[in-house]
Amino acid sequence: MKATDLLQVRDEGLYCPPGGFYIDPVQPVDRALVTHGHGDHCRPGHRHLMATADTIAIAQTRYGADAFAAVQAAEEGEVMRIGDVDVHFRPAGHVLGSAQIVIEAGGARAIFTGDYKRAHDPTCTPFAPVPCDLFVTEATFGLPVFRHPPIQGELDRLFTSLAAFPERAHVLGVYALGKAQRIIAELRARGHDAPVYLHGALIKLVELYEALGVPMGEWRPVLDTDKAELRGQIVLAPPGAIQDRWARRLPDALPVGVSGWMQVRARARQRRVELPLIVSDHCDWDALCATVREVQAETVWVTHGAEEALVHWCREQGLEAAPLSIAGLGEEED
């Protein structure tokens, strides 16, 4: 069997014919294997959901305990027989519970990465490279222009701004799953022991991370806090809220963008961000290329993002490569 026989694109998403299951399907299906809890990869309504235990907890927190008829937790590295293939989950380093899905049959191995990053993240297990024949990778930042700086330098810029504007609340626009918790954990690692203030939309998943064993330190809801207390403090909110009426409750709010897209100045200006911090939960160009080399696959498929650029680079390396253009993937904020 060839590795390319293990996966095919259908309207519902990526399908494994010999296994009889979909991976991160974009429509409800009978059996779905899911890489992580972001909404463009994990949707409610599947009859059977298999994912890591942390991803299942995230999905049920977001969608409700009855969002799936049945769930099965996959232990990291445990080989499971599904139909005519062997499957196991390996860490992806994207958010808590995120995993690559490894499929093997007839001596061939295919890997679907889901979203992943190679940078350190104190809230989740690092990406584990696995040699394979077919590597199905994302390419959210799959252009040579995207080279993400170390997070420590970006946090230095945040602390410099806090010192320069001690009367202003610094409101960081962060995605509710993954980015919010990573920023809190990185702040704690830097010795920032002051309370972090949270928009209500972030609280449920911060509480879940704590319940799953990821310490967050002291945090407080913005709604329960006097405006004067927020002067000079760090406030986390969804990206759409930092310029919303909600931000008016903050003392002279200083909007901070926290995303890999903050490297694009036009995006920062469009969102009226005063302090853009380049912090991504995806691979940049160098990390994508390094990972393709590391897994030693002969064939690379690119699911979403800057597909053509990475495909072109792979072909220059002598690899077979093609874009998949699966509609619906890559729609979440970074």
C-alpha atoms as a PDB file:
ATOM      1  CA  MET A   1       0.000   0.000   0.000  1.00  0.00           C
ATOM      2  CA  LYS A   2       1.189   3.523  -0.787  1.00  0.00           C
ATOM      3  CA  ALA A   3       0.951   6.228   1.852  1.00  0.00           C
ATOM      4  CA  THR A   4      -1.150   8.329  -0.529  1.00  0.00           C
ATOM      5  CA  ASP A   5      -3.770   5.545  -0.487  1.00  0.00           C
ATOM      6  CA  LEU A   6      -4.334   6.175   3.214  1.00  0.00           C
ATOM      7  CA  LEU A   7      -5.937   9.604   2.789  1.00  0.00           C
ATOM      8  CA  GLN A   8      -8.210  11.344   0.324  1.00  0.00           C
ATOM      9  CA  VAL A   9     -10.111  14.629   0.260  1.00  0.00           C
ATOM     10  CA  ARG A  10     -13.913  14.534   0.324  1.00  0.00           C
ATOM     11  CA  ASP A  11     -16.514  17.233   0.786  1.00  0.00           C
ATOM     12  CA  GLU A  12     -16.633  16.471   4.513  1.00  0.00           C
ATOM     13  CA  GLY A  13     -12.857  16.785   4.840  1.00  0.00           C
ATOM     14  CA  LEU A  14      -9.854  14.468   4.871  1.00  0.00           C
ATOM     15  CA  TYR A  15     -10.907  10.807   4.830  1.00  0.00           C
ATOM     16  CA  CYS A  16      -9.043   7.561   5.520  1.00  0.00           C
ATOM     17  CA  PRO A  17     -10.680   4.897   3.274  1.00  0.00           C
ATOM     18  CA  PRO A  18      -9.078   1.793   4.865  1.00  0.00           C
ATOM     19  CA  GLY A  19      -9.887   3.128   8.345  1.00  0.00           C
ATOM     20  CA  GLY A  20     -13.384   4.423   7.657  1.00  0.00           C
ATOM     21  CA  PHE A  21     -12.870   7.708   9.502  1.00  0.00           C
ATOM     22  CA  TYR A  22     -12.358  11.423   8.862  1.00  0.00           C
ATOM     23  CA  ILE A  23      -9.672  13.665  10.340  1.00  0.00           C
ATOM     24  CA  ASP A  24     -10.777  17.145  11.482  1.00  0.00           C
ATOM     25  CA  PRO A  25     -13.869  16.982   9.235  1.00  0.00           C
ATOM     26  CA  VAL A  26     -15.561  20.251   8.374  1.00  0.00           C
ATOM     27  CA  GLN A  27     -19.040  18.668   8.518  1.00  0.00           C
ATOM     28  CA  PRO A  28     -20.604  16.252  11.047  1.00  0.00           C
ATOM     29  CA  VAL A  29     -19.649  12.640  10.260  1.00  0.00           C
ATOM     30  CA  ASP A  30     -20.073   9.195  11.776  1.00  0.00           C
ATOM     31  CA  ARG A  31     -16.469   8.826  12.974  1.00  0.00           C
ATOM     32  CA  ALA A  32     -14.067  11.746  13.452  1.00  0.00           C
ATOM     33  CA  LEU A  33     -10.501  11.776  14.695  1.00  0.00           C
ATOM     34  CA  VAL A  34      -9.719  15.317  15.830  1.00  0.00           C
ATOM     35  CA  THR A  35      -6.318  16.936  16.330  1.00  0.00           C
ATOM     36  CA  HIS A  36      -7.269  19.733  18.737  1.00  0.00           C
ATOM     37  CA  GLY A  37     -10.070  21.850  20.121  1.00  0.00           C
ATOM     38  CA  HIS A  38     -10.113  24.934  17.882  1.00  0.00           C
ATOM     39  CA  GLY A  39     -13.413  25.402  16.116  1.00  0.00           C
ATOM     40  CA  ASP A  40     -12.086  25.036  12.573  1.00  0.00           C
ATOM     41  CA  HIS A  41     -10.769  21.559  13.427  1.00  0.00           C
ATOM     42  CA  CYS A  42     -13.240  20.356  16.050  1.00  0.00           C
ATOM     43  CA  ARG A  43     -16.912  20.848  15.255  1.00  0.00           C
ATOM     44  CA  PRO A  44     -19.929  19.535  17.176  1.00  0.00           C
ATOM     45  CA  GLY A  45     -22.265  16.895  15.817  1.00  0.00           C
ATOM     46  CA  HIS A  46     -19.972  13.944  15.053  1.00  0.00           C
ATOM     47  CA  ARG A  47     -21.455  10.625  16.087  1.00  0.00           C
ATOM     48  CA  HIS A  48     -18.122   9.242  17.322  1.00  0.00           C
ATOM     49  CA  LEU A  49     -15.258  11.524  18.370  1.00  0.00           C
ATOM     50  CA  MET A  50     -11.738  10.307  19.071  1.00  0.00           C
ATOM     51  CA  ALA A  51      -9.159  12.768  20.412  1.00  0.00           C
ATOM     52  CA  THR A  52      -6.820  13.179  23.347  1.00  0.00           C
ATOM     53  CA  ALA A  53      -8.490  13.411  26.748  1.00  0.00           C
ATOM     54  CA  ASP A  54      -7.615  17.101  27.019  1.00  0.00           C
ATOM     55  CA  THR A  55      -9.101  17.851  23.589  1.00  0.00           C
ATOM     56  CA  ILE A  56     -12.290  16.005  24.521  1.00  0.00           C
ATOM     57  CA  ALA A  57     -12.534  18.074  27.716  1.00  0.00           C
ATOM     58  CA  ILE A  58     -12.041  21.256  25.692  1.00  0.00           C
ATOM     59  CA  ALA A  59     -14.626  20.228  23.089  1.00  0.00           C
ATOM     60  CA  GLN A  60     -17.237  19.349  25.692  1.00  0.00           C
ATOM     61  CA  THR A  61     -16.567  22.596  27.573  1.00  0.00           C
ATOM     62  CA  ARG A  62     -17.048  24.607  24.404  1.00  0.00           C
ATOM     63  CA  TYR A  63     -19.967  22.681  22.887  1.00  0.00           C
ATOM     64  CA  GLY A  64     -21.596  20.848  25.780  1.00  0.00           C
ATOM     65  CA  ALA A  65     -21.394  17.320  27.120  1.00  0.00           C
ATOM     66  CA  ASP A  66     -23.974  16.109  24.586  1.00  0.00           C
ATOM     67  CA  ALA A  67     -22.303  17.577  21.496  1.00  0.00           C
ATOM     68  CA  PHE A  68     -21.093  14.114  20.445  1.00  0.00           C
ATOM     69  CA  ALA A  69     -22.963  10.811  20.700  1.00  0.00           C
ATOM     70  CA  ALA A  70     -19.834   8.983  21.840  1.00  0.00           C
ATOM     71  CA  VAL A  71     -16.247   9.958  22.668  1.00  0.00           C
ATOM     72  CA  GLN A  72     -13.050   7.951  23.011  1.00  0.00           C
ATOM     73  CA  ALA A  73      -9.843   9.294  24.518  1.00  0.00           C
ATOM     74  CA  ALA A  74      -6.606   8.438  22.744  1.00  0.00           C
ATOM     75  CA  GLU A  75      -3.580   8.016  24.982  1.00  0.00           C
ATOM     76  CA  GLU A  76      -0.405   9.598  23.607  1.00  0.00           C
ATOM     77  CA  GLY A  77       1.542   6.967  21.651  1.00  0.00           C
ATOM     78  CA  GLU A  78      -1.020   4.183  22.150  1.00  0.00           C
ATOM     79  CA  VAL A  79      -1.476   2.234  18.912  1.00  0.00           C
ATOM     80  CA  MET A  80      -5.140   1.566  18.088  1.00  0.00           C
ATOM     81  CA  ARG A  81      -6.529  -0.594  15.308  1.00  0.00           C
ATOM     82  CA  ILE A  82      -9.292   1.157  13.368  1.00  0.00           C
ATOM     83  CA  GLY A  83     -10.592  -0.731  10.372  1.00  0.00           C
ATOM     84  CA  ASP A  84      -7.518  -1.834   8.438  1.00  0.00           C
ATOM     85  CA  VAL A  85      -5.072   0.758   9.787  1.00  0.00           C
ATOM     86  CA  ASP A  86      -3.089   1.381  12.949  1.00  0.00           C
ATOM     87  CA  VAL A  87      -3.481   4.851  14.444  1.00  0.00           C
ATOM     88  CA  HIS A  88      -1.699   6.707  17.182  1.00  0.00           C
ATOM     89  CA  PHE A  89      -1.605  10.305  18.416  1.00  0.00           C
ATOM     90  CA  ARG A  90       1.631  12.270  18.909  1.00  0.00           C
ATOM     91  CA  PRO A  91       2.020  15.772  20.417  1.00  0.00           C
ATOM     92  CA  ALA A  92       1.661  18.770  18.102  1.00  0.00           C
ATOM     93  CA  GLY A  93       2.660  21.601  20.458  1.00  0.00           C
ATOM     94  CA  HIS A  94      -0.162  23.889  19.287  1.00  0.00           C
ATOM     95  CA  VAL A  95      -2.453  24.083  22.337  1.00  0.00           C
ATOM     96  CA  LEU A  96      -3.252  21.839  25.294  1.00  0.00           C
ATOM     97  CA  GLY A  97      -4.213  18.390  24.004  1.00  0.00           C
ATOM     98  CA  SER A  98      -3.194  19.050  20.412  1.00  0.00           C
ATOM     99  CA  ALA A  99      -1.906  16.043  18.512  1.00  0.00           C
ATOM    100  CA  GLN A 100      -0.696  14.807  15.177  1.00  0.00           C
ATOM    101  CA  ILE A 101      -2.520  11.750  13.901  1.00  0.00           C
ATOM    102  CA  VAL A 102      -0.292   8.953  12.622  1.00  0.00           C
ATOM    103  CA  ILE A 103      -1.826   6.345  10.298  1.00  0.00           C
ATOM    104  CA  GLU A 104      -0.035   3.143   9.264  1.00  0.00           C
ATOM    105  CA  ALA A 105      -0.908   0.228   7.004  1.00  0.00           C
ATOM    106  CA  GLY A 106       1.004  -2.117   4.703  1.00  0.00           C
ATOM    107  CA  GLY A 107       4.359  -0.624   5.656  1.00  0.00           C
ATOM    108  CA  ALA A 108       3.280   2.925   4.768  1.00  0.00           C
ATOM    109  CA  ARG A 109       2.898   5.802   7.210  1.00  0.00           C
ATOM    110  CA  ALA A 110       0.938   9.056   6.792  1.00  0.00           C
ATOM    111  CA  ILE A 111       0.795  11.891   9.317  1.00  0.00           C
ATOM    112  CA  PHE A 112      -1.767  14.663   9.611  1.00  0.00           C
ATOM    113  CA  THR A 113      -0.321  17.444  11.757  1.00  0.00           C
ATOM    114  CA  GLY A 114      -3.352  19.594  12.393  1.00  0.00           C
ATOM    115  CA  ASP A 115      -2.045  22.965  13.594  1.00  0.00           C
ATOM    116  CA  TYR A 116       1.372  22.848  15.233  1.00  0.00           C
ATOM    117  CA  LYS A 117       4.334  24.905  16.379  1.00  0.00           C
ATOM    118  CA  ARG A 118       7.938  24.209  17.285  1.00  0.00           C
ATOM    119  CA  ALA A 119       8.422  27.095  19.737  1.00  0.00           C
ATOM    120  CA  HIS A 120       8.352  26.351  23.465  1.00  0.00           C
ATOM    121  CA  ASP A 121       4.970  26.628  25.153  1.00  0.00           C
ATOM    122  CA  PRO A 122       4.684  25.958  28.910  1.00  0.00           C
ATOM    123  CA  THR A 123       1.015  24.964  28.587  1.00  0.00           C
ATOM    124  CA  CYS A 124       1.324  21.981  26.233  1.00  0.00           C
ATOM    125  CA  THR A 125       3.552  19.071  25.210  1.00  0.00           C
ATOM    126  CA  PRO A 126       6.117  19.941  22.507  1.00  0.00           C
ATOM    127  CA  PHE A 127       5.748  18.776  18.908  1.00  0.00           C
ATOM    128  CA  ALA A 128       7.223  15.308  18.404  1.00  0.00           C
ATOM    129  CA  PRO A 129       8.631  14.767  14.885  1.00  0.00           C
ATOM    130  CA  VAL A 130       7.862  11.326  13.453  1.00  0.00           C
ATOM    131  CA  PRO A 131       9.457  10.032  10.222  1.00  0.00           C
ATOM    132  CA  CYS A 132       6.822   9.221   7.624  1.00  0.00           C
ATOM    133  CA  ASP A 133       6.118   8.675   3.933  1.00  0.00           C
ATOM    134  CA  LEU A 134       3.296  11.217   3.580  1.00  0.00           C
ATOM    135  CA  PHE A 135       3.327  14.408   5.639  1.00  0.00           C
ATOM    136  CA  VAL A 136       0.119  16.467   5.665  1.00  0.00           C
ATOM    137  CA  THR A 137       1.023  19.850   7.094  1.00  0.00           C
ATOM    138  CA  GLU A 138      -0.589  23.208   7.702  1.00  0.00           C
ATOM    139  CA  ALA A 139       1.056  26.359   6.328  1.00  0.00           C
ATOM    140  CA  THR A 140      -0.701  29.234   8.109  1.00  0.00           C
ATOM    141  CA  PHE A 141       2.515  31.254   7.977  1.00  0.00           C
ATOM    142  CA  GLY A 142       3.949  29.464   4.966  1.00  0.00           C
ATOM    143  CA  LEU A 143       5.732  32.412   3.352  1.00  0.00           C
ATOM    144  CA  PRO A 144       9.458  33.238   3.719  1.00  0.00           C
ATOM    145  CA  VAL A 145       8.558  36.674   5.095  1.00  0.00           C
ATOM    146  CA  PHE A 146       7.149  35.104   8.271  1.00  0.00           C
ATOM    147  CA  ARG A 147       9.891  34.613  10.827  1.00  0.00           C
ATOM    148  CA  HIS A 148       8.592  34.831  14.366  1.00  0.00           C
ATOM    149  CA  PRO A 149      10.886  36.357  17.019  1.00  0.00           C
ATOM    150  CA  PRO A 150      11.426  34.658  20.390  1.00  0.00           C
ATOM    151  CA  ILE A 151       8.554  35.354  22.759  1.00  0.00           C
ATOM    152  CA  GLN A 152      10.868  36.718  25.458  1.00  0.00           C
ATOM    153  CA  GLY A 153      11.728  39.739  23.345  1.00  0.00           C
ATOM    154  CA  GLU A 154       8.049  40.426  22.729  1.00  0.00           C
ATOM    155  CA  LEU A 155       7.327  40.229  26.453  1.00  0.00           C
ATOM    156  CA  ASP A 156      10.206  42.643  27.039  1.00  0.00           C
ATOM    157  CA  ARG A 157       8.367  45.121  24.814  1.00  0.00           C
ATOM    158  CA  LEU A 158       5.187  44.632  26.856  1.00  0.00           C
ATOM    159  CA  PHE A 159       6.959  45.249  30.163  1.00  0.00           C
ATOM    160  CA  THR A 160       8.715  48.297  28.726  1.00  0.00           C
ATOM    161  CA  SER A 161       5.346  49.726  27.747  1.00  0.00           C
ATOM    162  CA  LEU A 162       3.892  48.978  31.178  1.00  0.00           C
ATOM    163  CA  ALA A 163       6.754  50.902  32.765  1.00  0.00           C
ATOM    164  CA  ALA A 164       6.344  53.805  30.337  1.00  0.00           C
ATOM    165  CA  PHE A 165       2.560  54.061  30.758  1.00  0.00           C
ATOM    166  CA  PRO A 166       1.834  53.051  34.371  1.00  0.00           C
ATOM    167  CA  GLU A 167      -1.623  54.652  34.354  1.00  0.00           C
ATOM    168  CA  ARG A 168      -2.885  52.752  31.317  1.00  0.00           C
ATOM    169  CA  ALA A 169      -4.459  49.305  31.333  1.00  0.00           C
ATOM    170  CA  HIS A 170      -2.736  47.166  28.719  1.00  0.00           C
ATOM    171  CA  VAL A 171      -5.457  45.092  27.087  1.00  0.00           C
ATOM    172  CA  LEU A 172      -4.074  42.136  25.154  1.00  0.00           C
ATOM    173  CA  GLY A 173      -6.157  40.675  22.347  1.00  0.00           C
ATOM    174  CA  VAL A 174      -5.763  36.904  22.685  1.00  0.00           C
ATOM    175  CA  TYR A 175      -7.663  33.916  21.362  1.00  0.00           C
ATOM    176  CA  ALA A 176      -9.662  32.159  24.100  1.00  0.00           C
ATOM    177  CA  LEU A 177      -8.137  28.712  23.580  1.00  0.00           C
ATOM    178  CA  GLY A 178      -4.387  28.419  23.749  1.00  0.00           C
ATOM    179  CA  LYS A 179      -3.124  31.973  23.315  1.00  0.00           C
ATOM    180  CA  ALA A 180      -4.698  33.344  26.508  1.00  0.00           C
ATOM    181  CA  GLN A 181      -3.342  30.519  28.636  1.00  0.00           C
ATOM    182  CA  ARG A 182       0.090  30.581  27.009  1.00  0.00           C
ATOM    183  CA  ILE A 183       0.471  34.315  27.638  1.00  0.00           C
ATOM    184  CA  ILE A 184      -0.519  33.901  31.289  1.00  0.00           C
ATOM    185  CA  ALA A 185       1.944  31.031  31.739  1.00  0.00           C
ATOM    186  CA  GLU A 186       4.743  32.979  30.034  1.00  0.00           C
ATOM    187  CA  LEU A 187       4.049  35.992  32.261  1.00  0.00           C
ATOM    188  CA  ARG A 188       4.285  33.769  35.333  1.00  0.00           C
ATOM    189  CA  ALA A 189       7.553  32.284  34.076  1.00  0.00           C
ATOM    190  CA  ARG A 190       8.910  35.842  33.860  1.00  0.00           C
ATOM    191  CA  GLY A 191       8.036  36.412  37.512  1.00  0.00           C
ATOM    192  CA  HIS A 192       4.904  38.502  36.908  1.00  0.00           C
ATOM    193  CA  ASP A 193       2.949  37.561  40.025  1.00  0.00           C
ATOM    194  CA  ALA A 194       0.339  40.338  39.887  1.00  0.00           C
ATOM    195  CA  PRO A 195      -3.243  39.356  39.106  1.00  0.00           C
ATOM    196  CA  VAL A 196      -4.122  39.057  35.438  1.00  0.00           C
ATOM    197  CA  TYR A 197      -7.560  40.439  34.591  1.00  0.00           C
ATOM    198  CA  LEU A 198      -9.836  38.512  32.245  1.00  0.00           C
ATOM    199  CA  HIS A 199     -12.702  39.330  29.909  1.00  0.00           C
ATOM    200  CA  GLY A 200     -15.613  37.041  30.708  1.00  0.00           C
ATOM    201  CA  ALA A 201     -15.283  35.159  27.418  1.00  0.00           C
ATOM    202  CA  LEU A 202     -11.880  33.807  28.499  1.00  0.00           C
ATOM    203  CA  ILE A 203     -12.735  32.595  31.968  1.00  0.00           C
ATOM    204  CA  LYS A 204     -14.256  29.202  31.170  1.00  0.00           C
ATOM    205  CA  LEU A 205     -11.215  27.901  29.296  1.00  0.00           C
ATOM    206  CA  VAL A 206      -8.726  29.378  31.785  1.00  0.00           C
ATOM    207  CA  GLU A 207     -10.585  27.499  34.509  1.00  0.00           C
ATOM    208  CA  LEU A 208     -10.475  24.335  32.398  1.00  0.00           C
ATOM    209  CA  TYR A 209      -6.701  24.600  31.916  1.00  0.00           C
ATOM    210  CA  GLU A 210      -6.351  24.880  35.695  1.00  0.00           C
ATOM    211  CA  ALA A 211      -8.582  21.841  36.175  1.00  0.00           C
ATOM    212  CA  LEU A 212      -6.405  19.922  33.697  1.00  0.00           C
ATOM    213  CA  GLY A 213      -3.273  20.712  35.692  1.00  0.00           C
ATOM    214  CA  VAL A 214      -1.901  23.880  34.049  1.00  0.00           C
ATOM    215  CA  PRO A 215      -1.308  26.542  36.754  1.00  0.00           C
ATOM    216  CA  MET A 216      -2.462  30.029  35.858  1.00  0.00           C
ATOM    217  CA  GLY A 217      -1.715  31.957  39.050  1.00  0.00           C
ATOM    218  CA  GLU A 218      -4.060  34.647  40.336  1.00  0.00           C
ATOM    219  CA  TRP A 219      -6.583  36.050  37.902  1.00  0.00           C
ATOM    220  CA  ARG A 220      -9.671  38.210  38.343  1.00  0.00           C
ATOM    221  CA  PRO A 221     -12.702  38.964  36.177  1.00  0.00           C
ATOM    222  CA  VAL A 222     -12.700  42.509  34.818  1.00  0.00           C
ATOM    223  CA  LEU A 223     -16.407  42.826  35.621  1.00  0.00           C
ATOM    224  CA  ASP A 224     -15.712  42.353  39.339  1.00  0.00           C
ATOM    225  CA  THR A 225     -12.931  44.961  39.430  1.00  0.00           C
ATOM    226  CA  ASP A 226     -13.043  48.712  40.073  1.00  0.00           C
ATOM    227  CA  LYS A 227     -11.774  50.766  37.170  1.00  0.00           C
ATOM    228  CA  ALA A 228      -9.058  52.413  39.271  1.00  0.00           C
ATOM    229  CA  GLU A 229      -7.616  49.019  40.201  1.00  0.00           C
ATOM    230  CA  LEU A 230      -6.936  48.277  36.521  1.00  0.00           C
ATOM    231  CA  ARG A 231      -4.445  51.121  36.059  1.00  0.00           C
ATOM    232  CA  GLY A 232      -1.094  49.702  34.960  1.00  0.00           C
ATOM    233  CA  GLN A 233      -2.461  46.150  34.864  1.00  0.00           C
ATOM    234  CA  ILE A 234      -2.508  43.439  32.197  1.00  0.00           C
ATOM    235  CA  VAL A 235      -5.972  42.637  30.893  1.00  0.00           C
ATOM    236  CA  LEU A 236      -6.697  39.767  28.494  1.00  0.00           C
ATOM    237  CA  ALA A 237      -9.659  39.895  26.121  1.00  0.00           C
ATOM    238  CA  PRO A 238     -10.723  38.396  22.778  1.00  0.00           C
ATOM    239  CA  PRO A 239      -9.158  40.299  19.849  1.00  0.00           C
ATOM    240  CA  GLY A 240     -12.525  41.738  18.853  1.00  0.00           C
ATOM    241  CA  ALA A 241     -13.069  43.259  22.298  1.00  0.00           C
ATOM    242  CA  ILE A 242      -9.955  45.410  22.580  1.00  0.00           C
ATOM    243  CA  GLN A 243     -11.539  48.124  20.398  1.00  0.00           C
ATOM    244  CA  ASP A 244     -15.109  47.374  21.425  1.00  0.00           C
ATOM    245  CA  ARG A 245     -17.338  49.347  23.799  1.00  0.00           C
ATOM    246  CA  TRP A 246     -16.306  46.828  26.451  1.00  0.00           C
ATOM    247  CA  ALA A 247     -12.813  48.362  26.556  1.00  0.00           C
ATOM    248  CA  ARG A 248     -14.264  51.676  27.718  1.00  0.00           C
ATOM    249  CA  ARG A 249     -14.527  50.244  31.221  1.00  0.00           C
ATOM    250  CA  LEU A 250     -10.706  50.188  31.327  1.00  0.00           C
ATOM    251  CA  PRO A 251      -8.604  53.212  32.363  1.00  0.00           C
ATOM    252  CA  ASP A 252      -7.094  54.670  29.159  1.00  0.00           C
ATOM    253  CA  ALA A 253      -6.865  51.258  27.530  1.00  0.00           C
ATOM    254  CA  LEU A 254      -3.743  50.595  25.471  1.00  0.00           C
ATOM    255  CA  PRO A 255      -4.666  47.997  22.810  1.00  0.00           C
ATOM    256  CA  VAL A 256      -2.076  45.242  22.364  1.00  0.00           C
ATOM    257  CA  GLY A 257      -2.270  42.761  19.500  1.00  0.00           C
ATOM    258  CA  VAL A 258      -0.857  39.297  20.230  1.00  0.00           C
ATOM    259  CA  SER A 259      -0.593  37.205  17.090  1.00  0.00           C
ATOM    260  CA  GLY A 260       1.748  36.000  14.394  1.00  0.00           C
ATOM    261  CA  TRP A 261      -0.199  38.322  12.100  1.00  0.00           C
ATOM    262  CA  MET A 262       1.126  41.318  14.015  1.00  0.00           C
ATOM    263  CA  GLN A 263       4.202  41.046  11.793  1.00  0.00           C
ATOM    264  CA  VAL A 264       1.956  42.464   9.063  1.00  0.00           C
ATOM    265  CA  ARG A 265       1.803  46.170   9.853  1.00  0.00           C
ATOM    266  CA  ALA A 266      -1.372  46.685   7.845  1.00  0.00           C
ATOM    267  CA  ARG A 267      -3.190  44.206  10.097  1.00  0.00           C
ATOM    268  CA  ALA A 268      -2.012  45.987  13.215  1.00  0.00           C
ATOM    269  CA  ARG A 269      -3.178  49.330  11.819  1.00  0.00           C
ATOM    270  CA  GLN A 270      -6.499  47.832  10.723  1.00  0.00           C
ATOM    271  CA  ARG A 271      -7.141  46.633  14.263  1.00  0.00           C
ATOM    272  CA  ARG A 272      -5.942  49.972  15.681  1.00  0.00           C
ATOM    273  CA  VAL A 273      -3.310  48.207  17.783  1.00  0.00           C
ATOM    274  CA  GLU A 274      -0.836  50.476  19.563  1.00  0.00           C
ATOM    275  CA  LEU A 275       1.535  47.704  20.616  1.00  0.00           C
ATOM    276  CA  PRO A 276       1.804  44.726  18.216  1.00  0.00           C
ATOM    277  CA  LEU A 277       3.395  41.636  19.770  1.00  0.00           C
ATOM    278  CA  ILE A 278       4.395  38.870  17.355  1.00  0.00           C
ATOM    279  CA  VAL A 279       3.455  35.710  19.254  1.00  0.00           C
ATOM    280  CA  SER A 280       2.207  32.800  17.183  1.00  0.00           C
ATOM    281  CA  ASP A 281       0.927  29.334  17.995  1.00  0.00           C
ATOM    282  CA  HIS A 282       1.858  28.152  14.493  1.00  0.00           C
ATOM    283  CA  CYS A 283       5.166  27.438  12.777  1.00  0.00           C
ATOM    284  CA  ASP A 284       6.871  30.214  10.895  1.00  0.00           C
ATOM    285  CA  TRP A 285       8.532  29.615   7.504  1.00  0.00           C
ATOM    286  CA  ASP A 286      11.824  28.328   8.899  1.00  0.00           C
ATOM    287  CA  ALA A 287      10.087  25.940  11.303  1.00  0.00           C
ATOM    288  CA  LEU A 288       7.851  24.561   8.538  1.00  0.00           C
ATOM    289  CA  CYS A 289      10.811  23.885   6.271  1.00  0.00           C
ATOM    290  CA  ALA A 290      12.870  22.387   9.108  1.00  0.00           C
ATOM    291  CA  THR A 291      10.011  20.075  10.066  1.00  0.00           C
ATOM    292  CA  VAL A 292       9.517  18.830   6.507  1.00  0.00           C
ATOM    293  CA  ARG A 293      13.217  17.970   6.387  1.00  0.00           C
ATOM    294  CA  GLU A 294      13.098  16.328   9.808  1.00  0.00           C
ATOM    295  CA  VAL A 295      10.246  13.919   9.075  1.00  0.00           C
ATOM    296  CA  GLN A 296      11.922  12.822   5.810  1.00  0.00           C
ATOM    297  CA  ALA A 297       8.659  12.343   3.922  1.00  0.00           C
ATOM    298  CA  GLU A 298       8.792  11.797   0.177  1.00  0.00           C
ATOM    299  CA  THR A 299       5.346  13.341  -0.286  1.00  0.00           C
ATOM    300  CA  VAL A 300       3.995  16.519   1.341  1.00  0.00           C
ATOM    301  CA  TRP A 301       0.404  17.728   1.206  1.00  0.00           C
ATOM    302  CA  VAL A 302      -0.442  21.208   2.466  1.00  0.00           C
ATOM    303  CA  THR A 303      -3.894  21.680   3.967  1.00  0.00           C
ATOM    304  CA  HIS A 304      -4.335  25.416   4.524  1.00  0.00           C
ATOM    305  CA  GLY A 305      -2.533  28.719   4.692  1.00  0.00           C
ATOM    306  CA  ALA A 306       0.077  29.823   2.156  1.00  0.00           C
ATOM    307  CA  GLU A 307      -0.148  26.472   0.401  1.00  0.00           C
ATOM    308  CA  GLU A 308       1.481  27.263  -2.923  1.00  0.00           C
ATOM    309  CA  ALA A 309       4.670  28.735  -1.445  1.00  0.00           C
ATOM    310  CA  LEU A 310       5.396  25.704   0.706  1.00  0.00           C
ATOM    311  CA  VAL A 311       4.446  23.342  -2.124  1.00  0.00           C
ATOM    312  CA  HIS A 312       6.885  25.172  -4.414  1.00  0.00           C
ATOM    313  CA  TRP A 313       9.676  24.946  -1.830  1.00  0.00           C
ATOM    314  CA  CYS A 314       9.046  21.211  -1.324  1.00  0.00           C
ATOM    315  CA  ARG A 315       9.223  20.569  -5.047  1.00  0.00           C
ATOM    316  CA  GLU A 316      12.527  22.449  -5.178  1.00  0.00           C
ATOM    317  CA  GLN A 317      13.803  19.948  -2.596  1.00  0.00           C
ATOM    318  CA  GLY A 318      12.840  17.083  -4.892  1.00  0.00           C
ATOM    319  CA  LEU A 319       9.708  16.112  -2.966  1.00  0.00           C
ATOM    320  CA  GLU A 320       6.279  15.339  -4.356  1.00  0.00           C
ATOM    321  CA  ALA A 321       3.996  18.061  -3.058  1.00  0.00           C
ATOM    322  CA  ALA A 322       0.451  19.304  -3.587  1.00  0.00           C
ATOM    323  CA  PRO A 323      -2.033  21.735  -1.998  1.00  0.00           C
ATOM    324  CA  LEU A 324      -5.244  20.266  -0.592  1.00  0.00           C
ATOM    325  CA  SER A 325      -7.239  23.479  -0.064  1.00  0.00           C
ATOM    326  CA  ILE A 326      -9.679  21.955   2.417  1.00  0.00           C
ATOM    327  CA  ALA A 327     -12.436  24.525   2.846  1.00  0.00           C
ATOM    328  CA  GLY A 328     -13.119  25.490   6.463  1.00  0.00           C
ATOM    329  CA  LEU A 329      -9.663  24.829   7.918  1.00  0.00           C
ATOM    330  CA  GLY A 330      -7.533  27.719   9.067  1.00  0.00           C
ATOM    331  CA  GLU A 331     -10.442  30.014   9.923  1.00  0.00           C
ATOM    332  CA  GLU A 332      -9.551  30.581  13.578  1.00  0.00           C
ATOM    333  CA  GLU A 333      -7.488  33.493  14.904  1.00  0.00           C
ATOM    334  CA  ASP A 334      -3.798  32.796  15.562  1.00  0.00           C
END
